[in-house]
């Protein structure tokens, strides 16, 4: 059986891979999404960590390292949609729980540490997402 989708000139998504490979990719993406949510919550928990009067930016460092890694691996498994989903899930958890936390608590106060946390997770994650998009476009040409 031939696939005449390219004869019409429409750019449709490629046919899905083998069901076993597709199930494995979905499973890995699900694990990456759970990791993303748990790490974002953990980052919020350590946001207000101080050593005496000195703030310790442990959560920003954790976000700086883990968010790009999660986005890159999700992009390798599920392409641009998976990478965007991981970065979006991280942002939703950080802003959702951070600004409207449990019991109305604000876990993401308006201070320099909070800004560092958000920037340390979003900027490198967006940069890696851009690389995933560029690599996928280069591979499709």
N, C-alpha and C. Protein backbone atom coordinates (compact mmCIF):
# COMPACT_ATOMS: atom_id res chain seq x y z
N UNK A 1 0.84 -1.17 0.00
CA UNK A 1 0.00 0.00 0.00
C UNK A 1 0.89 1.24 0.00
N UNK A 2 0.59 2.19 -0.86
CA UNK A 2 1.39 3.39 -0.95
C UNK A 2 0.70 4.52 -0.20
N UNK A 3 1.50 5.44 0.20
CA UNK A 3 1.00 6.61 0.93
C UNK A 3 1.03 7.78 -0.03
N UNK A 4 -0.13 8.24 -0.50
CA UNK A 4 -0.19 9.32 -1.48
C UNK A 4 -0.42 10.67 -0.83
N UNK A 5 -0.06 10.81 0.44
CA UNK A 5 -0.25 12.10 1.10
C UNK A 5 0.71 13.14 0.54
N UNK A 6 1.90 12.73 0.11
CA UNK A 6 2.84 13.70 -0.42
C UNK A 6 2.48 14.12 -1.83
N UNK A 7 1.69 13.34 -2.54
CA UNK A 7 1.30 13.69 -3.90
C UNK A 7 0.36 14.89 -3.93
N UNK A 8 -0.39 15.09 -2.87
CA UNK A 8 -1.33 16.21 -2.84
C UNK A 8 -0.66 17.51 -2.42
N UNK A 9 0.58 17.42 -1.94
CA UNK A 9 1.31 18.61 -1.55
C UNK A 9 1.01 19.07 -0.13
N UNK A 10 0.21 18.32 0.61
CA UNK A 10 -0.06 18.70 2.00
C UNK A 10 1.00 18.12 2.90
N UNK A 11 1.36 18.87 3.88
CA UNK A 11 2.38 18.41 4.83
C UNK A 11 1.69 17.83 6.05
N UNK A 12 1.51 16.54 6.03
CA UNK A 12 0.90 15.86 7.16
C UNK A 12 1.98 15.29 8.05
N UNK A 13 1.61 14.99 9.28
CA UNK A 13 2.56 14.40 10.21
C UNK A 13 2.95 13.01 9.71
N UNK A 14 4.17 12.58 10.00
CA UNK A 14 4.58 11.26 9.56
C UNK A 14 3.72 10.18 10.22
N UNK A 15 3.67 9.06 9.56
CA UNK A 15 2.93 7.94 10.12
C UNK A 15 3.55 7.53 11.45
N UNK A 16 2.73 7.09 12.40
CA UNK A 16 3.30 6.71 13.69
C UNK A 16 4.26 5.53 13.55
N UNK A 17 5.20 5.49 14.46
CA UNK A 17 6.17 4.40 14.47
C UNK A 17 5.48 3.13 14.92
N UNK A 18 6.26 2.11 15.08
CA UNK A 18 5.72 0.85 15.57
C UNK A 18 4.99 1.10 16.89
N UNK A 19 3.90 0.36 17.14
CA UNK A 19 3.16 0.59 18.38
C UNK A 19 4.02 0.42 19.63
N UNK A 20 4.95 -0.51 19.61
CA UNK A 20 5.80 -0.72 20.78
C UNK A 20 6.69 0.49 21.02
N UNK A 21 7.27 1.05 19.94
CA UNK A 21 8.12 2.23 20.08
C UNK A 21 7.30 3.44 20.53
N UNK A 22 6.09 3.57 19.99
CA UNK A 22 5.24 4.70 20.35
C UNK A 22 4.83 4.60 21.82
N UNK A 23 4.51 3.40 22.29
CA UNK A 23 4.16 3.22 23.69
C UNK A 23 5.34 3.54 24.60
N UNK A 24 6.54 3.14 24.18
CA UNK A 24 7.74 3.46 24.96
C UNK A 24 7.99 4.95 25.02
N UNK A 25 7.79 5.64 23.91
CA UNK A 25 7.99 7.09 23.89
C UNK A 25 6.97 7.80 24.77
N UNK A 26 5.74 7.34 24.74
CA UNK A 26 4.71 7.95 25.59
C UNK A 26 5.03 7.70 27.06
N UNK A 27 5.51 6.51 27.37
CA UNK A 27 5.87 6.19 28.76
C UNK A 27 7.02 7.06 29.25
N UNK A 28 8.03 7.23 28.42
CA UNK A 28 9.18 8.06 28.81
C UNK A 28 8.74 9.51 28.96
N UNK A 29 7.90 9.99 28.06
CA UNK A 29 7.41 11.37 28.17
C UNK A 29 6.58 11.55 29.44
N UNK A 30 5.79 10.56 29.80
CA UNK A 30 5.00 10.64 31.03
C UNK A 30 5.91 10.71 32.25
N UNK A 31 6.98 9.92 32.26
CA UNK A 31 7.93 9.95 33.37
C UNK A 31 8.62 11.31 33.42
N UNK A 32 8.99 11.86 32.27
CA UNK A 32 9.62 13.19 32.25
C UNK A 32 8.66 14.27 32.75
N UNK A 33 7.38 14.15 32.43
CA UNK A 33 6.41 15.13 32.92
C UNK A 33 6.23 15.03 34.43
N UNK A 34 6.19 13.81 34.95
CA UNK A 34 6.10 13.63 36.41
C UNK A 34 7.34 14.20 37.08
N UNK A 35 8.52 13.93 36.49
CA UNK A 35 9.76 14.50 37.03
C UNK A 35 9.71 16.03 37.01
N UNK A 36 9.19 16.59 35.94
CA UNK A 36 9.10 18.04 35.82
C UNK A 36 8.24 18.63 36.93
N UNK A 37 7.08 18.03 37.15
CA UNK A 37 6.18 18.54 38.19
C UNK A 37 6.82 18.41 39.57
N UNK A 38 7.41 17.25 39.85
CA UNK A 38 8.03 17.05 41.16
C UNK A 38 9.21 17.99 41.39
N UNK A 39 10.03 18.18 40.36
CA UNK A 39 11.16 19.09 40.51
C UNK A 39 10.72 20.54 40.67
N UNK A 40 9.65 20.93 39.98
CA UNK A 40 9.15 22.30 40.14
C UNK A 40 8.62 22.52 41.55
N UNK A 41 7.93 21.54 42.10
CA UNK A 41 7.45 21.65 43.48
C UNK A 41 8.63 21.70 44.45
N UNK A 42 9.63 20.86 44.21
CA UNK A 42 10.82 20.86 45.06
C UNK A 42 11.55 22.20 44.99
N UNK A 43 11.63 22.78 43.80
CA UNK A 43 12.26 24.09 43.66
C UNK A 43 11.50 25.15 44.45
N UNK A 44 10.18 25.07 44.44
CA UNK A 44 9.40 26.03 45.23
C UNK A 44 9.62 25.83 46.73
N UNK A 45 9.80 24.59 47.14
CA UNK A 45 10.01 24.33 48.57
C UNK A 45 11.34 24.90 49.06
N UNK A 46 12.37 24.86 48.21
CA UNK A 46 13.69 25.36 48.62
C UNK A 46 13.92 26.81 48.23
N UNK A 47 12.90 27.49 47.75
CA UNK A 47 13.06 28.88 47.32
C UNK A 47 13.40 29.80 48.48
N UNK A 48 12.87 29.54 49.62
CA UNK A 48 13.09 30.43 50.77
C UNK A 48 14.17 29.89 51.70
N UNK A 49 15.16 29.22 51.15
CA UNK A 49 16.25 28.66 51.96
C UNK A 49 17.27 29.75 52.27
N UNK A 50 17.58 29.91 53.55
CA UNK A 50 18.53 30.92 54.00
C UNK A 50 19.58 30.29 54.90
N UNK A 51 20.78 30.83 54.88
CA UNK A 51 21.83 30.49 55.82
C UNK A 51 22.04 31.74 56.67
N UNK A 52 21.39 31.77 57.81
CA UNK A 52 21.38 32.99 58.62
C UNK A 52 20.56 34.06 57.92
N UNK A 53 21.21 35.14 57.54
CA UNK A 53 20.53 36.21 56.81
C UNK A 53 20.84 36.18 55.31
N UNK A 54 21.62 35.19 54.88
CA UNK A 54 22.04 35.11 53.47
C UNK A 54 21.16 34.12 52.72
N UNK A 55 20.49 34.56 51.65
CA UNK A 55 19.67 33.63 50.87
C UNK A 55 20.56 32.68 50.06
N UNK A 56 20.13 31.44 49.98
CA UNK A 56 20.86 30.43 49.21
C UNK A 56 20.02 30.10 47.98
N UNK A 57 20.54 30.36 46.78
CA UNK A 57 19.75 30.14 45.57
C UNK A 57 19.78 28.69 45.08
N UNK A 58 19.54 27.75 45.98
CA UNK A 58 19.57 26.33 45.62
C UNK A 58 18.50 25.99 44.60
N UNK A 59 17.32 26.55 44.75
CA UNK A 59 16.23 26.24 43.83
C UNK A 59 16.53 26.79 42.43
N UNK A 60 17.14 27.95 42.35
CA UNK A 60 17.50 28.50 41.04
C UNK A 60 18.56 27.63 40.37
N UNK A 61 19.52 27.16 41.14
CA UNK A 61 20.54 26.27 40.57
C UNK A 61 19.93 24.95 40.12
N UNK A 62 18.99 24.43 40.90
CA UNK A 62 18.32 23.19 40.52
C UNK A 62 17.53 23.38 39.23
N UNK A 63 16.81 24.49 39.12
CA UNK A 63 16.06 24.78 37.90
C UNK A 63 16.97 25.02 36.71
N UNK A 64 18.12 25.66 36.95
CA UNK A 64 19.07 25.95 35.89
C UNK A 64 19.63 24.67 35.27
N UNK A 65 19.78 23.64 36.07
CA UNK A 65 20.35 22.38 35.59
C UNK A 65 19.28 21.43 35.06
N UNK A 66 18.18 21.29 35.79
CA UNK A 66 17.22 20.23 35.45
C UNK A 66 16.24 20.60 34.34
N UNK A 67 15.79 21.84 34.28
CA UNK A 67 14.78 22.19 33.28
C UNK A 67 15.30 22.04 31.85
N UNK A 68 16.49 22.53 31.51
CA UNK A 68 16.98 22.29 30.14
C UNK A 68 17.20 20.80 29.85
N UNK A 69 17.65 20.06 30.86
CA UNK A 69 17.86 18.63 30.67
C UNK A 69 16.54 17.92 30.37
N UNK A 70 15.49 18.26 31.11
CA UNK A 70 14.19 17.66 30.88
C UNK A 70 13.64 18.04 29.51
N UNK A 71 13.79 19.29 29.12
CA UNK A 71 13.29 19.75 27.81
C UNK A 71 14.05 19.04 26.69
N UNK A 72 15.37 18.93 26.83
CA UNK A 72 16.16 18.26 25.80
C UNK A 72 15.77 16.80 25.65
N UNK A 73 15.61 16.10 26.76
CA UNK A 73 15.26 14.68 26.69
C UNK A 73 13.84 14.47 26.19
N UNK A 74 12.92 15.34 26.56
CA UNK A 74 11.56 15.24 26.03
C UNK A 74 11.55 15.52 24.53
N UNK A 75 12.39 16.45 24.08
CA UNK A 75 12.50 16.72 22.65
C UNK A 75 13.08 15.54 21.89
N UNK A 76 14.02 14.84 22.51
CA UNK A 76 14.61 13.66 21.86
C UNK A 76 13.60 12.52 21.76
N UNK A 77 12.70 12.43 22.74
CA UNK A 77 11.73 11.33 22.75
C UNK A 77 10.50 11.67 21.93
N UNK A 78 9.96 12.87 22.11
CA UNK A 78 8.66 13.20 21.51
C UNK A 78 8.70 14.42 20.60
N UNK A 79 9.86 14.94 20.29
CA UNK A 79 9.95 16.07 19.39
C UNK A 79 9.55 17.38 20.05
N UNK A 80 9.20 18.34 19.23
CA UNK A 80 8.87 19.68 19.71
C UNK A 80 7.64 19.68 20.63
N UNK A 81 6.57 18.93 20.32
CA UNK A 81 5.43 18.96 21.25
C UNK A 81 5.78 18.47 22.65
N UNK A 82 6.59 17.43 22.74
CA UNK A 82 6.99 16.92 24.05
C UNK A 82 7.85 17.91 24.81
N UNK A 83 8.79 18.54 24.12
CA UNK A 83 9.66 19.52 24.76
C UNK A 83 8.86 20.73 25.23
N UNK A 84 7.94 21.19 24.40
CA UNK A 84 7.09 22.31 24.80
C UNK A 84 6.17 21.96 25.95
N UNK A 85 5.70 20.72 25.97
CA UNK A 85 4.84 20.28 27.05
C UNK A 85 5.58 20.26 28.38
N UNK A 86 6.82 19.82 28.37
CA UNK A 86 7.61 19.80 29.60
C UNK A 86 7.88 21.21 30.10
N UNK A 87 8.28 22.11 29.23
CA UNK A 87 8.54 23.49 29.65
C UNK A 87 7.25 24.17 30.12
N UNK A 88 6.16 23.91 29.42
CA UNK A 88 4.88 24.47 29.83
C UNK A 88 4.41 23.94 31.17
N UNK A 89 4.61 22.64 31.41
CA UNK A 89 4.23 22.05 32.69
C UNK A 89 5.04 22.66 33.83
N UNK A 90 6.34 22.88 33.58
CA UNK A 90 7.17 23.51 34.60
C UNK A 90 6.65 24.91 34.93
N UNK A 91 6.34 25.68 33.90
CA UNK A 91 5.86 27.05 34.12
C UNK A 91 4.51 27.06 34.83
N UNK A 92 3.62 26.16 34.45
CA UNK A 92 2.30 26.10 35.10
C UNK A 92 2.44 25.75 36.57
N UNK A 93 3.31 24.81 36.89
CA UNK A 93 3.49 24.44 38.30
C UNK A 93 4.13 25.58 39.08
N UNK A 94 5.18 26.18 38.53
CA UNK A 94 5.85 27.27 39.24
C UNK A 94 4.90 28.43 39.48
N UNK A 95 4.18 28.86 38.46
CA UNK A 95 3.29 30.00 38.63
C UNK A 95 1.99 29.61 39.33
N UNK A 96 1.46 28.44 39.02
CA UNK A 96 0.19 28.02 39.62
C UNK A 96 0.31 27.78 41.11
N UNK A 97 1.26 26.95 41.51
CA UNK A 97 1.44 26.67 42.93
C UNK A 97 2.15 27.84 43.61
N UNK A 98 3.05 28.50 42.89
CA UNK A 98 3.80 29.59 43.49
C UNK A 98 2.96 30.80 43.83
N UNK A 99 2.00 31.13 42.99
CA UNK A 99 1.19 32.33 43.22
C UNK A 99 -0.14 32.04 43.89
N UNK A 100 -0.64 30.83 43.75
CA UNK A 100 -1.90 30.45 44.39
C UNK A 100 -1.69 29.10 45.07
N UNK A 101 -0.81 29.09 46.02
CA UNK A 101 -0.41 27.85 46.66
C UNK A 101 -1.48 27.26 47.55
N UNK A 102 -1.13 26.21 48.25
CA UNK A 102 -2.10 25.54 49.11
C UNK A 102 -2.54 26.46 50.25
N UNK A 103 -3.84 26.55 50.43
CA UNK A 103 -4.37 27.40 51.50
C UNK A 103 -4.22 28.88 51.24
N UNK A 104 -3.97 29.26 50.00
CA UNK A 104 -3.81 30.67 49.67
C UNK A 104 -2.42 31.21 49.96
N UNK A 105 -1.49 30.34 50.35
CA UNK A 105 -0.11 30.78 50.59
C UNK A 105 0.58 31.14 49.29
N UNK A 106 1.43 32.12 49.34
CA UNK A 106 2.21 32.52 48.19
C UNK A 106 3.62 31.97 48.37
N UNK A 107 3.96 30.95 47.59
CA UNK A 107 5.27 30.33 47.68
C UNK A 107 6.29 31.01 46.79
N UNK A 108 5.83 31.89 45.92
CA UNK A 108 6.70 32.61 45.00
C UNK A 108 6.58 34.10 45.31
N UNK A 109 7.23 34.56 46.38
CA UNK A 109 7.10 35.98 46.73
C UNK A 109 7.77 36.87 45.69
N UNK A 110 7.39 38.12 45.68
CA UNK A 110 7.95 39.06 44.72
C UNK A 110 9.28 39.60 45.25
N UNK A 111 10.35 38.84 45.01
CA UNK A 111 11.68 39.27 45.42
C UNK A 111 12.70 38.78 44.41
N UNK A 112 13.95 39.07 44.69
CA UNK A 112 15.02 38.75 43.75
C UNK A 112 15.21 37.25 43.58
N UNK A 113 15.06 36.47 44.66
CA UNK A 113 15.20 35.02 44.56
C UNK A 113 14.13 34.40 43.67
N UNK A 114 12.92 34.91 43.77
CA UNK A 114 11.84 34.40 42.92
C UNK A 114 12.10 34.70 41.46
N UNK A 115 12.57 35.91 41.19
CA UNK A 115 12.89 36.27 39.81
C UNK A 115 14.04 35.39 39.29
N UNK A 116 15.03 35.14 40.13
CA UNK A 116 16.14 34.27 39.73
C UNK A 116 15.63 32.86 39.46
N UNK A 117 14.70 32.38 40.26
CA UNK A 117 14.14 31.04 40.07
C UNK A 117 13.43 30.93 38.73
N UNK A 118 12.59 31.90 38.45
CA UNK A 118 11.82 31.87 37.20
C UNK A 118 12.75 32.00 35.99
N UNK A 119 13.68 32.92 36.04
CA UNK A 119 14.59 33.12 34.92
C UNK A 119 15.54 31.93 34.74
N UNK A 120 16.00 31.34 35.83
CA UNK A 120 16.92 30.21 35.74
C UNK A 120 16.25 28.98 35.16
N UNK A 121 14.95 28.87 35.27
CA UNK A 121 14.25 27.74 34.67
C UNK A 121 13.74 28.03 33.27
N UNK A 122 13.18 29.22 33.07
CA UNK A 122 12.55 29.53 31.78
C UNK A 122 13.54 29.84 30.67
N UNK A 123 14.54 30.65 30.95
CA UNK A 123 15.45 31.06 29.87
C UNK A 123 16.25 29.90 29.29
N UNK A 124 16.94 29.09 30.10
CA UNK A 124 17.66 27.96 29.51
C UNK A 124 16.71 26.94 28.89
N UNK A 125 15.54 26.75 29.52
CA UNK A 125 14.56 25.82 28.95
C UNK A 125 14.05 26.29 27.60
N UNK A 126 13.80 27.60 27.47
CA UNK A 126 13.35 28.15 26.18
C UNK A 126 14.47 28.07 25.14
N UNK A 127 15.71 28.28 25.56
CA UNK A 127 16.84 28.15 24.65
C UNK A 127 16.95 26.72 24.11
N UNK A 128 16.83 25.75 24.99
CA UNK A 128 16.90 24.34 24.57
C UNK A 128 15.70 23.99 23.69
N UNK A 129 14.52 24.53 24.01
CA UNK A 129 13.34 24.31 23.16
C UNK A 129 13.59 24.87 21.76
N UNK A 130 14.22 26.04 21.68
CA UNK A 130 14.57 26.60 20.37
C UNK A 130 15.54 25.70 19.61
N UNK A 131 16.48 25.10 20.32
CA UNK A 131 17.41 24.16 19.66
C UNK A 131 16.67 22.93 19.17
N UNK A 132 15.71 22.43 19.94
CA UNK A 132 14.92 21.27 19.52
C UNK A 132 14.13 21.62 18.26
N UNK A 133 13.53 22.80 18.24
CA UNK A 133 12.78 23.23 17.05
C UNK A 133 13.70 23.36 15.85
N UNK A 134 14.86 23.98 16.05
CA UNK A 134 15.82 24.15 14.94
C UNK A 134 16.30 22.81 14.42
N UNK A 135 16.62 21.89 15.32
CA UNK A 135 17.09 20.57 14.89
C UNK A 135 16.01 19.79 14.16
N UNK A 136 14.75 19.93 14.60
CA UNK A 136 13.68 19.21 13.93
C UNK A 136 13.41 19.81 12.54
N UNK A 137 13.51 21.13 12.43
CA UNK A 137 13.33 21.75 11.11
C UNK A 137 14.48 21.38 10.17
N UNK A 138 15.69 21.33 10.69
CA UNK A 138 16.83 20.97 9.86
C UNK A 138 16.73 19.52 9.43
N UNK A 139 16.18 18.67 10.27
CA UNK A 139 16.03 17.25 9.92
C UNK A 139 14.93 17.00 8.92
N UNK A 140 13.92 17.90 8.86
CA UNK A 140 12.81 17.69 7.94
C UNK A 140 13.09 18.26 6.56
N UNK A 141 14.11 19.12 6.42
CA UNK A 141 14.41 19.72 5.11
C UNK A 141 15.14 18.75 4.21
